[in-house]
N, C-alpha and C. Protein backbone atom coordinates (compact mmCIF):
# COMPACT_ATOMS: atom_id res chain seq x y z
N MET A 1 -182.58 36.47 20.95
CA MET A 1 -182.34 35.49 19.88
C MET A 1 -182.00 34.15 20.51
N ARG A 2 -182.71 33.11 20.16
CA ARG A 2 -182.52 31.80 20.76
C ARG A 2 -181.39 31.05 20.07
N ALA A 3 -180.56 30.38 20.89
CA ALA A 3 -179.48 29.58 20.33
C ALA A 3 -180.06 28.35 19.65
N SER A 4 -179.52 28.00 18.50
CA SER A 4 -179.96 26.82 17.78
C SER A 4 -178.77 25.90 17.59
N LEU A 5 -178.88 24.67 18.10
CA LEU A 5 -177.79 23.72 17.97
C LEU A 5 -178.04 22.83 16.76
N GLU A 6 -177.14 22.91 15.78
CA GLU A 6 -177.23 22.07 14.60
C GLU A 6 -176.09 21.08 14.63
N ARG A 7 -176.40 19.81 14.67
CA ARG A 7 -175.36 18.80 14.73
C ARG A 7 -175.03 18.35 13.31
N MET A 8 -173.75 18.46 12.95
CA MET A 8 -173.31 18.10 11.61
C MET A 8 -172.20 17.07 11.76
N GLY A 9 -172.57 15.79 11.91
CA GLY A 9 -171.58 14.77 12.12
C GLY A 9 -170.92 14.95 13.47
N GLU A 10 -169.63 15.19 13.47
CA GLU A 10 -168.87 15.36 14.70
C GLU A 10 -168.67 16.84 15.04
N THR A 11 -169.52 17.72 14.52
CA THR A 11 -169.41 19.14 14.86
C THR A 11 -170.73 19.63 15.45
N ILE A 12 -170.65 20.68 16.25
CA ILE A 12 -171.83 21.35 16.76
C ILE A 12 -171.74 22.80 16.34
N ALA A 13 -172.72 23.27 15.59
CA ALA A 13 -172.73 24.65 15.12
C ALA A 13 -173.39 25.55 16.15
N ARG A 14 -172.80 26.74 16.33
CA ARG A 14 -173.37 27.79 17.17
C ARG A 14 -173.60 27.33 18.61
N LEU A 15 -172.61 26.64 19.15
CA LEU A 15 -172.68 26.18 20.54
C LEU A 15 -172.45 27.37 21.47
N PRO A 16 -173.35 27.64 22.41
CA PRO A 16 -173.09 28.69 23.41
C PRO A 16 -171.82 28.36 24.18
N LEU A 17 -171.01 29.38 24.44
CA LEU A 17 -169.73 29.18 25.11
C LEU A 17 -169.66 30.00 26.39
N PHE A 18 -169.01 29.44 27.39
CA PHE A 18 -168.84 30.11 28.68
C PHE A 18 -167.34 30.11 29.00
N PRO A 19 -166.59 31.14 28.54
CA PRO A 19 -165.17 31.24 28.92
C PRO A 19 -165.06 31.59 30.40
N LEU A 20 -164.23 30.84 31.13
CA LEU A 20 -164.15 31.03 32.57
C LEU A 20 -162.76 30.63 33.05
N GLY A 21 -162.39 31.11 34.20
CA GLY A 21 -161.07 30.79 34.76
C GLY A 21 -161.06 29.44 35.43
N MET A 22 -161.55 28.43 34.77
CA MET A 22 -161.55 27.07 35.31
C MET A 22 -161.52 26.08 34.17
N VAL A 23 -161.15 24.84 34.47
CA VAL A 23 -161.15 23.76 33.49
C VAL A 23 -162.16 22.72 33.94
N LEU A 24 -163.10 22.39 33.06
CA LEU A 24 -164.11 21.38 33.35
C LEU A 24 -163.72 20.08 32.67
N LEU A 25 -163.79 18.98 33.41
CA LEU A 25 -163.50 17.66 32.86
C LEU A 25 -164.79 16.87 32.65
N PRO A 26 -164.82 15.94 31.70
CA PRO A 26 -165.99 15.08 31.56
C PRO A 26 -166.33 14.38 32.86
N ARG A 27 -167.61 14.36 33.19
CA ARG A 27 -168.17 13.75 34.39
C ARG A 27 -167.89 14.53 35.67
N GLU A 28 -167.14 15.60 35.60
CA GLU A 28 -166.90 16.44 36.77
C GLU A 28 -168.14 17.28 37.06
N VAL A 29 -168.55 17.36 38.31
CA VAL A 29 -169.71 18.15 38.72
C VAL A 29 -169.23 19.36 39.51
N VAL A 30 -169.63 20.56 39.08
CA VAL A 30 -169.22 21.79 39.77
C VAL A 30 -170.40 22.74 39.86
N PRO A 31 -170.44 23.57 40.90
CA PRO A 31 -171.48 24.61 41.00
C PRO A 31 -171.04 25.87 40.28
N LEU A 32 -171.99 26.60 39.73
CA LEU A 32 -171.73 27.88 39.09
C LEU A 32 -172.72 28.92 39.58
N HIS A 33 -172.23 30.14 39.77
CA HIS A 33 -173.11 31.27 40.08
C HIS A 33 -173.20 32.12 38.83
N ILE A 34 -174.39 32.26 38.29
CA ILE A 34 -174.61 32.98 37.03
C ILE A 34 -175.18 34.36 37.35
N PHE A 35 -174.44 35.42 36.99
CA PHE A 35 -174.90 36.76 37.34
C PHE A 35 -174.90 37.74 36.18
N GLU A 36 -174.09 37.52 35.13
CA GLU A 36 -174.10 38.42 33.99
C GLU A 36 -175.34 38.18 33.14
N ASP A 37 -175.92 39.27 32.61
CA ASP A 37 -177.16 39.16 31.84
C ASP A 37 -177.02 38.20 30.67
N ARG A 38 -175.90 38.29 29.94
CA ARG A 38 -175.75 37.43 28.75
C ARG A 38 -175.71 35.96 29.13
N TYR A 39 -175.09 35.64 30.26
CA TYR A 39 -175.01 34.25 30.66
C TYR A 39 -176.29 33.79 31.35
N LYS A 40 -177.02 34.71 31.96
CA LYS A 40 -178.34 34.36 32.47
C LYS A 40 -179.24 33.94 31.31
N GLN A 41 -179.18 34.69 30.20
CA GLN A 41 -179.97 34.33 29.02
C GLN A 41 -179.52 32.99 28.46
N MET A 42 -178.21 32.79 28.40
CA MET A 42 -177.69 31.54 27.85
C MET A 42 -178.15 30.34 28.69
N VAL A 43 -178.06 30.46 30.00
CA VAL A 43 -178.47 29.36 30.88
C VAL A 43 -179.97 29.14 30.81
N ASP A 44 -180.76 30.22 30.77
CA ASP A 44 -182.21 30.08 30.64
C ASP A 44 -182.57 29.30 29.39
N GLU A 45 -181.91 29.61 28.28
CA GLU A 45 -182.20 28.91 27.03
C GLU A 45 -181.76 27.45 27.10
N SER A 46 -180.63 27.21 27.74
CA SER A 46 -180.17 25.82 27.89
C SER A 46 -181.13 25.02 28.77
N LEU A 47 -181.64 25.66 29.83
CA LEU A 47 -182.60 24.98 30.70
C LEU A 47 -183.89 24.67 29.95
N GLU A 48 -184.38 25.64 29.21
CA GLU A 48 -185.65 25.45 28.51
C GLU A 48 -185.56 24.38 27.43
N ALA A 49 -184.45 24.41 26.66
CA ALA A 49 -184.30 23.47 25.55
C ALA A 49 -183.59 22.19 25.94
N GLU A 50 -183.09 22.14 27.21
CA GLU A 50 -182.33 20.98 27.69
C GLU A 50 -181.14 20.69 26.78
N THR A 51 -180.39 21.76 26.47
CA THR A 51 -179.20 21.64 25.63
C THR A 51 -177.97 21.97 26.46
N GLU A 52 -176.82 21.61 25.92
CA GLU A 52 -175.56 21.85 26.61
C GLU A 52 -174.92 23.14 26.13
N PHE A 53 -173.93 23.60 26.87
CA PHE A 53 -173.10 24.70 26.41
C PHE A 53 -171.65 24.31 26.62
N GLY A 54 -170.73 25.11 26.10
CA GLY A 54 -169.32 24.76 26.16
C GLY A 54 -168.56 25.58 27.17
N MET A 55 -167.70 24.91 27.94
CA MET A 55 -166.83 25.57 28.90
C MET A 55 -165.41 25.61 28.32
N LEU A 56 -164.81 26.81 28.33
CA LEU A 56 -163.44 26.98 27.86
C LEU A 56 -162.64 27.72 28.92
N TRP A 57 -161.40 27.30 29.11
CA TRP A 57 -160.54 27.95 30.10
C TRP A 57 -159.99 29.26 29.54
N MET A 58 -160.30 30.36 30.22
CA MET A 58 -159.71 31.65 29.91
C MET A 58 -158.57 31.88 30.89
N GLY A 59 -157.35 31.59 30.45
CA GLY A 59 -156.18 31.70 31.31
C GLY A 59 -155.33 32.90 30.98
N GLU A 60 -154.14 32.93 31.57
CA GLU A 60 -153.25 34.07 31.35
C GLU A 60 -152.80 34.18 29.91
N VAL A 61 -152.75 33.06 29.20
CA VAL A 61 -152.30 33.08 27.80
C VAL A 61 -153.48 33.25 26.85
N GLY A 62 -154.66 33.47 27.39
CA GLY A 62 -155.83 33.67 26.55
C GLY A 62 -156.78 32.48 26.57
N LEU A 63 -157.72 32.48 25.63
CA LEU A 63 -158.74 31.44 25.57
C LEU A 63 -158.17 30.17 24.95
N ARG A 64 -158.31 29.05 25.66
CA ARG A 64 -157.87 27.77 25.11
C ARG A 64 -158.88 27.27 24.09
N GLU A 65 -158.41 26.53 23.11
CA GLU A 65 -159.31 26.06 22.06
C GLU A 65 -159.93 24.71 22.37
N ILE A 66 -159.39 23.99 23.36
CA ILE A 66 -159.94 22.71 23.77
C ILE A 66 -160.76 22.93 25.04
N GLY A 67 -162.03 22.53 25.00
CA GLY A 67 -162.90 22.69 26.16
C GLY A 67 -163.75 21.46 26.37
N CYS A 68 -164.81 21.61 27.16
CA CYS A 68 -165.69 20.50 27.49
C CYS A 68 -167.13 21.00 27.51
N THR A 69 -168.02 20.25 26.89
CA THR A 69 -169.42 20.63 26.96
C THR A 69 -169.95 20.39 28.37
N ALA A 70 -170.92 21.19 28.76
CA ALA A 70 -171.48 21.12 30.11
C ALA A 70 -172.99 20.93 30.02
N GLU A 71 -173.50 20.01 30.83
CA GLU A 71 -174.95 19.80 30.96
C GLU A 71 -175.39 20.34 32.31
N ILE A 72 -176.49 21.06 32.34
CA ILE A 72 -177.03 21.56 33.60
C ILE A 72 -177.80 20.44 34.27
N THR A 73 -177.30 19.99 35.40
CA THR A 73 -177.94 18.88 36.10
C THR A 73 -178.97 19.35 37.11
N GLN A 74 -178.83 20.59 37.59
CA GLN A 74 -179.79 21.08 38.60
C GLN A 74 -179.74 22.60 38.69
N LEU A 75 -180.92 23.18 38.73
CA LEU A 75 -181.06 24.61 39.06
C LEU A 75 -181.25 24.69 40.57
N LEU A 76 -180.22 25.14 41.26
CA LEU A 76 -180.24 25.13 42.72
C LEU A 76 -181.10 26.26 43.29
N HIS A 77 -180.95 27.44 42.70
CA HIS A 77 -181.67 28.60 43.25
C HIS A 77 -181.70 29.71 42.21
N ARG A 78 -182.85 30.34 42.08
CA ARG A 78 -182.99 31.51 41.20
C ARG A 78 -183.41 32.70 42.05
N MET A 79 -182.64 33.77 41.96
CA MET A 79 -182.93 34.97 42.73
C MET A 79 -183.86 35.91 41.96
N GLU A 80 -184.42 36.89 42.66
CA GLU A 80 -185.41 37.78 42.05
C GLU A 80 -184.83 38.55 40.88
N ASP A 81 -183.55 38.86 40.92
CA ASP A 81 -182.94 39.63 39.82
C ASP A 81 -182.46 38.73 38.68
N GLY A 82 -182.78 37.45 38.73
CA GLY A 82 -182.42 36.54 37.64
C GLY A 82 -181.12 35.80 37.84
N ARG A 83 -180.36 36.19 38.83
CA ARG A 83 -179.14 35.43 39.11
C ARG A 83 -179.49 34.00 39.51
N MET A 84 -178.57 33.07 39.20
CA MET A 84 -178.86 31.65 39.44
C MET A 84 -177.65 30.94 40.02
N ASN A 85 -177.92 29.94 40.82
CA ASN A 85 -176.93 28.96 41.23
C ASN A 85 -177.31 27.63 40.59
N ILE A 86 -176.39 27.07 39.82
CA ILE A 86 -176.68 25.83 39.10
C ILE A 86 -175.57 24.82 39.35
N LEU A 87 -175.88 23.56 39.09
CA LEU A 87 -174.89 22.50 39.05
C LEU A 87 -174.72 22.06 37.61
N ILE A 88 -173.48 21.94 37.17
CA ILE A 88 -173.22 21.44 35.82
C ILE A 88 -172.35 20.20 35.90
N GLN A 89 -172.44 19.39 34.85
CA GLN A 89 -171.59 18.20 34.75
C GLN A 89 -170.91 18.19 33.39
N GLY A 90 -169.60 17.96 33.39
CA GLY A 90 -168.87 17.89 32.14
C GLY A 90 -169.30 16.70 31.31
N ALA A 91 -169.32 16.87 30.00
CA ALA A 91 -169.77 15.80 29.11
C ALA A 91 -168.71 15.41 28.09
N ARG A 92 -168.50 16.24 27.05
CA ARG A 92 -167.66 15.83 25.93
C ARG A 92 -166.58 16.86 25.63
N PRO A 93 -165.33 16.43 25.46
CA PRO A 93 -164.28 17.36 25.04
C PRO A 93 -164.54 17.83 23.61
N PHE A 94 -164.17 19.08 23.34
CA PHE A 94 -164.35 19.62 21.99
C PHE A 94 -163.22 20.59 21.65
N ARG A 95 -163.10 20.87 20.36
CA ARG A 95 -162.16 21.86 19.86
C ARG A 95 -162.94 23.02 19.24
N LEU A 96 -162.60 24.24 19.61
CA LEU A 96 -163.25 25.40 19.03
C LEU A 96 -162.70 25.63 17.63
N LEU A 97 -163.60 25.63 16.65
CA LEU A 97 -163.22 25.82 15.25
C LEU A 97 -163.36 27.27 14.81
N ARG A 98 -164.44 27.92 15.27
CA ARG A 98 -164.72 29.28 14.81
C ARG A 98 -165.58 30.00 15.82
N ARG A 99 -165.23 31.24 16.13
CA ARG A 99 -166.04 32.05 17.02
C ARG A 99 -167.24 32.61 16.27
N ILE A 100 -168.39 32.71 16.94
CA ILE A 100 -169.61 33.29 16.40
C ILE A 100 -169.90 34.58 17.17
N ASP A 101 -170.08 35.69 16.44
CA ASP A 101 -170.22 37.00 17.08
C ASP A 101 -171.60 37.62 16.93
N ASP A 102 -172.58 36.89 16.36
CA ASP A 102 -173.88 37.51 16.12
C ASP A 102 -174.94 37.03 17.12
N MET A 103 -174.49 36.50 18.27
CA MET A 103 -175.41 36.04 19.30
C MET A 103 -175.22 36.89 20.55
N PRO A 104 -176.19 36.92 21.46
CA PRO A 104 -176.10 37.79 22.64
C PRO A 104 -175.08 37.33 23.67
N TYR A 105 -174.47 36.18 23.46
CA TYR A 105 -173.45 35.64 24.34
C TYR A 105 -172.40 34.95 23.47
N PRO A 106 -171.23 34.66 24.00
CA PRO A 106 -170.20 33.97 23.19
C PRO A 106 -170.72 32.64 22.65
N ALA A 107 -170.31 32.32 21.45
CA ALA A 107 -170.71 31.06 20.82
C ALA A 107 -169.67 30.70 19.77
N GLY A 108 -169.77 29.47 19.28
CA GLY A 108 -168.82 29.05 18.25
C GLY A 108 -169.20 27.72 17.64
N ASP A 109 -168.59 27.44 16.50
CA ASP A 109 -168.69 26.12 15.90
C ASP A 109 -167.58 25.26 16.50
N VAL A 110 -167.93 24.08 16.95
CA VAL A 110 -166.94 23.23 17.63
C VAL A 110 -166.94 21.83 17.04
N GLU A 111 -165.83 21.16 17.21
CA GLU A 111 -165.68 19.76 16.80
C GLU A 111 -165.58 18.90 18.05
N VAL A 112 -166.48 17.94 18.19
CA VAL A 112 -166.39 16.99 19.31
C VAL A 112 -165.21 16.07 19.07
N LEU A 113 -164.33 15.95 20.06
CA LEU A 113 -163.10 15.19 19.89
C LEU A 113 -163.34 13.70 20.13
N GLU A 114 -162.84 12.89 19.22
CA GLU A 114 -162.98 11.45 19.35
C GLU A 114 -161.91 10.89 20.28
N GLU A 115 -162.24 9.78 20.92
CA GLU A 115 -161.34 9.12 21.84
C GLU A 115 -160.61 7.98 21.12
N GLU A 116 -159.29 7.90 21.31
CA GLU A 116 -158.54 6.77 20.79
C GLU A 116 -158.76 5.57 21.70
N LEU A 117 -159.14 4.43 21.15
CA LEU A 117 -159.42 3.25 21.95
C LEU A 117 -158.13 2.57 22.36
N THR A 118 -157.90 2.50 23.66
CA THR A 118 -156.71 1.85 24.20
C THR A 118 -157.10 1.02 25.42
N GLU A 119 -156.21 0.13 25.84
CA GLU A 119 -156.42 -0.66 27.04
C GLU A 119 -155.76 0.04 28.23
N ASP A 120 -156.43 -0.06 29.41
CA ASP A 120 -155.86 0.53 30.61
C ASP A 120 -154.54 -0.12 30.98
N GLY A 121 -154.55 -1.44 31.08
CA GLY A 121 -153.35 -2.19 31.41
C GLY A 121 -152.70 -1.75 32.71
N GLU A 122 -151.37 -1.74 32.71
CA GLU A 122 -150.62 -1.40 33.91
C GLU A 122 -150.80 0.07 34.28
N SER A 123 -151.05 0.93 33.30
CA SER A 123 -151.23 2.35 33.61
C SER A 123 -152.47 2.56 34.46
N GLY A 124 -153.52 1.79 34.22
CA GLY A 124 -154.73 1.90 35.03
C GLY A 124 -154.50 1.41 36.45
N THR A 125 -153.77 0.31 36.58
CA THR A 125 -153.48 -0.23 37.92
C THR A 125 -152.65 0.76 38.73
N ALA A 126 -151.63 1.35 38.11
CA ALA A 126 -150.76 2.29 38.80
C ALA A 126 -151.51 3.55 39.20
N ALA A 127 -152.37 4.06 38.31
CA ALA A 127 -153.11 5.28 38.61
C ALA A 127 -154.09 5.05 39.75
N ARG A 128 -154.79 3.94 39.72
CA ARG A 128 -155.77 3.67 40.79
C ARG A 128 -155.09 3.41 42.12
N GLN A 129 -153.92 2.78 42.08
CA GLN A 129 -153.16 2.57 43.31
C GLN A 129 -152.72 3.91 43.89
N GLY A 130 -152.20 4.78 43.02
CA GLY A 130 -151.76 6.09 43.48
C GLY A 130 -152.90 6.94 43.99
N TYR A 131 -154.04 6.83 43.34
CA TYR A 131 -155.23 7.58 43.77
C TYR A 131 -155.70 7.10 45.14
N ALA A 132 -155.77 5.79 45.31
CA ALA A 132 -156.21 5.22 46.59
C ALA A 132 -155.26 5.60 47.71
N ASP A 133 -153.95 5.58 47.43
CA ASP A 133 -152.96 5.96 48.44
C ASP A 133 -153.15 7.42 48.86
N LEU A 134 -153.39 8.30 47.90
CA LEU A 134 -153.56 9.72 48.21
C LEU A 134 -154.84 9.96 49.00
N VAL A 135 -155.93 9.34 48.58
CA VAL A 135 -157.20 9.51 49.30
C VAL A 135 -157.06 9.01 50.73
N GLU A 136 -156.41 7.86 50.91
CA GLU A 136 -156.25 7.31 52.25
C GLU A 136 -155.39 8.22 53.12
N ARG A 137 -154.37 8.81 52.53
CA ARG A 137 -153.49 9.70 53.30
C ARG A 137 -154.21 10.96 53.74
N VAL A 138 -155.06 11.48 52.87
CA VAL A 138 -155.74 12.75 53.17
C VAL A 138 -156.95 12.54 54.06
N THR A 139 -157.69 11.44 53.86
CA THR A 139 -158.97 11.25 54.54
C THR A 139 -158.96 10.14 55.58
N ASP A 140 -157.88 9.36 55.63
CA ASP A 140 -157.81 8.19 56.52
C ASP A 140 -158.83 7.12 56.14
N SER A 141 -159.32 7.16 54.92
CA SER A 141 -160.27 6.16 54.44
C SER A 141 -159.88 5.78 53.01
N ARG A 142 -159.72 4.48 52.76
CA ARG A 142 -159.27 4.01 51.45
C ARG A 142 -160.47 3.59 50.61
N PRO A 143 -160.53 4.01 49.35
CA PRO A 143 -161.62 3.57 48.48
C PRO A 143 -161.62 2.06 48.31
N SER A 144 -162.80 1.48 48.18
CA SER A 144 -162.89 0.04 47.96
C SER A 144 -162.44 -0.31 46.55
N GLU A 145 -162.10 -1.57 46.35
CA GLU A 145 -161.68 -2.03 45.02
C GLU A 145 -162.80 -1.84 44.00
N ASN A 146 -164.04 -2.05 44.42
CA ASN A 146 -165.17 -1.86 43.50
C ASN A 146 -165.31 -0.40 43.09
N ASP A 147 -165.15 0.51 44.07
CA ASP A 147 -165.24 1.94 43.75
C ASP A 147 -164.11 2.35 42.81
N LEU A 148 -162.92 1.84 43.06
CA LEU A 148 -161.78 2.18 42.21
C LEU A 148 -161.99 1.67 40.79
N ALA A 149 -162.54 0.48 40.66
CA ALA A 149 -162.73 -0.11 39.34
C ALA A 149 -163.69 0.71 38.48
N GLU A 150 -164.59 1.44 39.12
CA GLU A 150 -165.57 2.24 38.38
C GLU A 150 -165.03 3.61 37.98
N LEU A 151 -163.85 3.98 38.48
CA LEU A 151 -163.28 5.29 38.20
C LEU A 151 -162.34 5.23 37.00
N ASP A 152 -162.55 6.15 36.05
CA ASP A 152 -161.58 6.31 34.98
C ASP A 152 -160.70 7.51 35.31
N SER A 153 -159.85 7.91 34.38
CA SER A 153 -158.92 9.01 34.64
C SER A 153 -159.65 10.30 34.97
N TYR A 154 -160.72 10.60 34.21
CA TYR A 154 -161.48 11.81 34.48
C TYR A 154 -162.14 11.75 35.86
N GLY A 155 -162.68 10.60 36.20
CA GLY A 155 -163.36 10.46 37.48
C GLY A 155 -162.42 10.67 38.65
N MET A 156 -161.18 10.18 38.54
CA MET A 156 -160.21 10.38 39.61
C MET A 156 -159.74 11.84 39.64
N ALA A 157 -159.42 12.39 38.48
CA ALA A 157 -158.89 13.75 38.42
C ALA A 157 -159.90 14.77 38.93
N ALA A 158 -161.19 14.49 38.75
CA ALA A 158 -162.23 15.44 39.13
C ALA A 158 -162.36 15.59 40.64
N THR A 159 -161.79 14.64 41.41
CA THR A 159 -161.99 14.67 42.85
C THR A 159 -160.74 15.13 43.61
N ILE A 160 -159.68 15.49 42.90
CA ILE A 160 -158.48 15.96 43.58
C ILE A 160 -158.14 17.36 43.08
N ALA A 161 -157.40 18.10 43.91
CA ALA A 161 -157.07 19.49 43.59
C ALA A 161 -155.85 19.52 42.67
N LEU A 162 -156.10 19.63 41.37
CA LEU A 162 -155.02 19.72 40.39
C LEU A 162 -154.89 21.16 39.91
N GLU A 163 -153.69 21.53 39.51
CA GLU A 163 -153.49 22.82 38.89
C GLU A 163 -154.26 22.86 37.57
N LEU A 164 -154.68 24.07 37.18
CA LEU A 164 -155.51 24.19 35.97
C LEU A 164 -154.77 23.72 34.72
N ASP A 165 -153.47 24.00 34.64
CA ASP A 165 -152.75 23.56 33.45
C ASP A 165 -152.66 22.03 33.38
N ALA A 166 -152.62 21.37 34.55
CA ALA A 166 -152.61 19.91 34.57
C ALA A 166 -153.96 19.36 34.13
N LYS A 167 -155.04 19.96 34.60
CA LYS A 167 -156.37 19.52 34.16
C LYS A 167 -156.55 19.74 32.66
N GLN A 168 -156.06 20.87 32.17
CA GLN A 168 -156.18 21.13 30.73
C GLN A 168 -155.39 20.11 29.93
N GLU A 169 -154.23 19.74 30.44
CA GLU A 169 -153.42 18.72 29.77
C GLU A 169 -154.17 17.40 29.69
N LEU A 170 -154.81 16.99 30.77
CA LEU A 170 -155.58 15.75 30.76
C LEU A 170 -156.74 15.85 29.77
N LEU A 171 -157.39 17.00 29.72
CA LEU A 171 -158.52 17.19 28.81
C LEU A 171 -158.09 17.06 27.35
N GLU A 172 -156.87 17.49 27.06
CA GLU A 172 -156.41 17.49 25.67
C GLU A 172 -155.87 16.15 25.22
N LEU A 173 -155.52 15.27 26.16
CA LEU A 173 -155.03 13.93 25.77
C LEU A 173 -156.18 13.10 25.23
N ARG A 174 -155.94 12.40 24.16
CA ARG A 174 -157.03 11.74 23.46
C ARG A 174 -157.12 10.24 23.70
N SER A 175 -156.35 9.69 24.62
CA SER A 175 -156.48 8.28 24.95
C SER A 175 -156.51 8.11 26.46
N GLU A 176 -157.26 7.12 26.93
CA GLU A 176 -157.37 6.86 28.35
C GLU A 176 -156.02 6.41 28.92
N SER A 177 -155.28 5.61 28.18
CA SER A 177 -153.98 5.13 28.69
C SER A 177 -153.03 6.30 28.89
N ALA A 178 -153.02 7.26 27.97
CA ALA A 178 -152.14 8.43 28.11
C ALA A 178 -152.55 9.27 29.31
N ARG A 179 -153.86 9.42 29.51
CA ARG A 179 -154.32 10.19 30.68
C ARG A 179 -153.96 9.48 31.98
N LEU A 180 -154.10 8.17 32.00
CA LEU A 180 -153.78 7.42 33.22
C LEU A 180 -152.29 7.52 33.56
N GLU A 181 -151.44 7.46 32.55
CA GLU A 181 -150.01 7.59 32.78
C GLU A 181 -149.68 8.98 33.34
N ARG A 182 -150.27 10.02 32.75
CA ARG A 182 -150.02 11.38 33.23
C ARG A 182 -150.59 11.56 34.63
N LEU A 183 -151.76 10.99 34.86
CA LEU A 183 -152.39 11.12 36.18
C LEU A 183 -151.55 10.45 37.25
N THR A 184 -150.92 9.34 36.93
CA THR A 184 -150.05 8.67 37.89
C THR A 184 -148.93 9.60 38.34
N SER A 185 -148.35 10.33 37.41
CA SER A 185 -147.30 11.29 37.75
C SER A 185 -147.85 12.43 38.60
N LEU A 186 -149.03 12.92 38.25
CA LEU A 186 -149.64 14.02 39.00
C LEU A 186 -149.98 13.59 40.42
N LEU A 187 -150.42 12.35 40.59
CA LEU A 187 -150.74 11.85 41.92
C LEU A 187 -149.48 11.72 42.77
N ALA A 188 -148.38 11.29 42.15
CA ALA A 188 -147.11 11.20 42.88
C ALA A 188 -146.65 12.58 43.32
N GLU A 189 -146.82 13.58 42.45
CA GLU A 189 -146.46 14.95 42.81
C GLU A 189 -147.34 15.46 43.94
N ALA A 190 -148.62 15.11 43.92
CA ALA A 190 -149.53 15.52 44.99
C ALA A 190 -149.13 14.88 46.32
N GLN A 191 -148.70 13.62 46.26
CA GLN A 191 -148.23 12.94 47.48
C GLN A 191 -147.03 13.68 48.06
N GLU A 192 -146.11 14.08 47.22
CA GLU A 192 -144.92 14.78 47.69
C GLU A 192 -145.28 16.14 48.29
N ARG A 193 -146.19 16.86 47.64
CA ARG A 193 -146.62 18.16 48.19
C ARG A 193 -147.28 17.97 49.55
N TYR A 194 -148.07 16.92 49.69
CA TYR A 194 -148.74 16.66 50.96
C TYR A 194 -147.72 16.31 52.04
N ALA A 195 -146.69 15.55 51.66
CA ALA A 195 -145.64 15.20 52.61
C ALA A 195 -144.89 16.44 53.07
N VAL A 196 -144.62 17.35 52.14
CA VAL A 196 -143.93 18.60 52.50
C VAL A 196 -144.78 19.42 53.45
N SER A 197 -146.09 19.50 53.19
CA SER A 197 -146.96 20.27 54.06
C SER A 197 -147.05 19.64 55.45
N GLU A 198 -147.02 18.30 55.51
CA GLU A 198 -147.03 17.63 56.80
C GLU A 198 -145.77 17.94 57.59
N ARG A 199 -144.62 17.91 56.91
CA ARG A 199 -143.36 18.21 57.59
C ARG A 199 -143.34 19.66 58.07
N ALA A 200 -143.90 20.57 57.26
CA ALA A 200 -143.95 21.97 57.67
C ALA A 200 -144.85 22.15 58.88
N ALA A 201 -145.96 21.41 58.91
CA ALA A 201 -146.88 21.51 60.04
C ALA A 201 -146.23 20.97 61.31
N ASP A 202 -145.49 19.87 61.18
CA ASP A 202 -144.80 19.31 62.34
C ASP A 202 -143.74 20.28 62.87
N LEU A 203 -143.03 20.93 61.94
CA LEU A 203 -142.00 21.89 62.34
C LEU A 203 -142.62 23.09 63.03
N ALA A 204 -143.80 23.52 62.53
CA ALA A 204 -144.47 24.66 63.15
C ALA A 204 -144.87 24.36 64.59
N LYS A 205 -145.22 23.11 64.87
CA LYS A 205 -145.61 22.74 66.22
C LYS A 205 -144.45 22.84 67.21
N THR A 206 -143.22 22.74 66.68
CA THR A 206 -142.04 22.83 67.55
C THR A 206 -141.49 24.24 67.60
N ASN A 207 -142.25 25.21 67.06
CA ASN A 207 -141.83 26.61 67.04
C ASN A 207 -140.55 26.80 66.25
N GLY A 208 -140.42 25.95 65.20
CA GLY A 208 -139.27 26.08 64.32
C GLY A 208 -138.03 25.35 64.78
N HIS A 209 -138.07 24.69 65.93
CA HIS A 209 -136.92 23.98 66.45
C HIS A 209 -137.09 22.48 66.24
N LEU A 210 -136.05 21.83 65.76
CA LEU A 210 -136.11 20.39 65.53
C LEU A 210 -136.08 19.65 66.86
N ARG A 211 -136.84 18.56 66.92
CA ARG A 211 -136.81 17.72 68.11
C ARG A 211 -135.53 16.90 68.16
N ASN A 212 -135.10 16.56 69.38
CA ASN A 212 -133.94 15.67 69.53
C ASN A 212 -134.33 14.27 69.08
């Protein structure tokens, strides 16, 4: 049975869903290995029709209702048994309204979430400064001002290792200014964790003994 996407204003009916132990952000690019028969069928149909599917985080507390649509940007490899390696890119945040159980794979009616229009202001400056500082500390190379100017909150968050609950929190925030403010805090926490790991590494080099 082929999935049919019916767009009704700000809703998508019968959107194929892929519950997974990960959080996808808009514009984030990630590889996926597709091996279950139902998801092989889902991906095949998405490839043929050039349609998106929805990614939802299946965590310890169950399936989250806020997810992100995914577009298949590249079929990397297809194996003889139908398994596939693909690249996907996050597109639009959505809210799951209703589960659909009459399709060969998970599906649901979803509402595409609208963005509240806000100005970056000082929150954008602080987030980009914190991001540049972290990248420089980890890689010894600082992003250029032009590169930083092109990055929004999702673009920065997609390139750093955040906890899944933090990524989900960013996905659920509906304004760029709110995401930038939260991201600034997350970047500061990442800096502190990196500093702790550096101190632990230095201590390990001394066999646990402090230098004079």
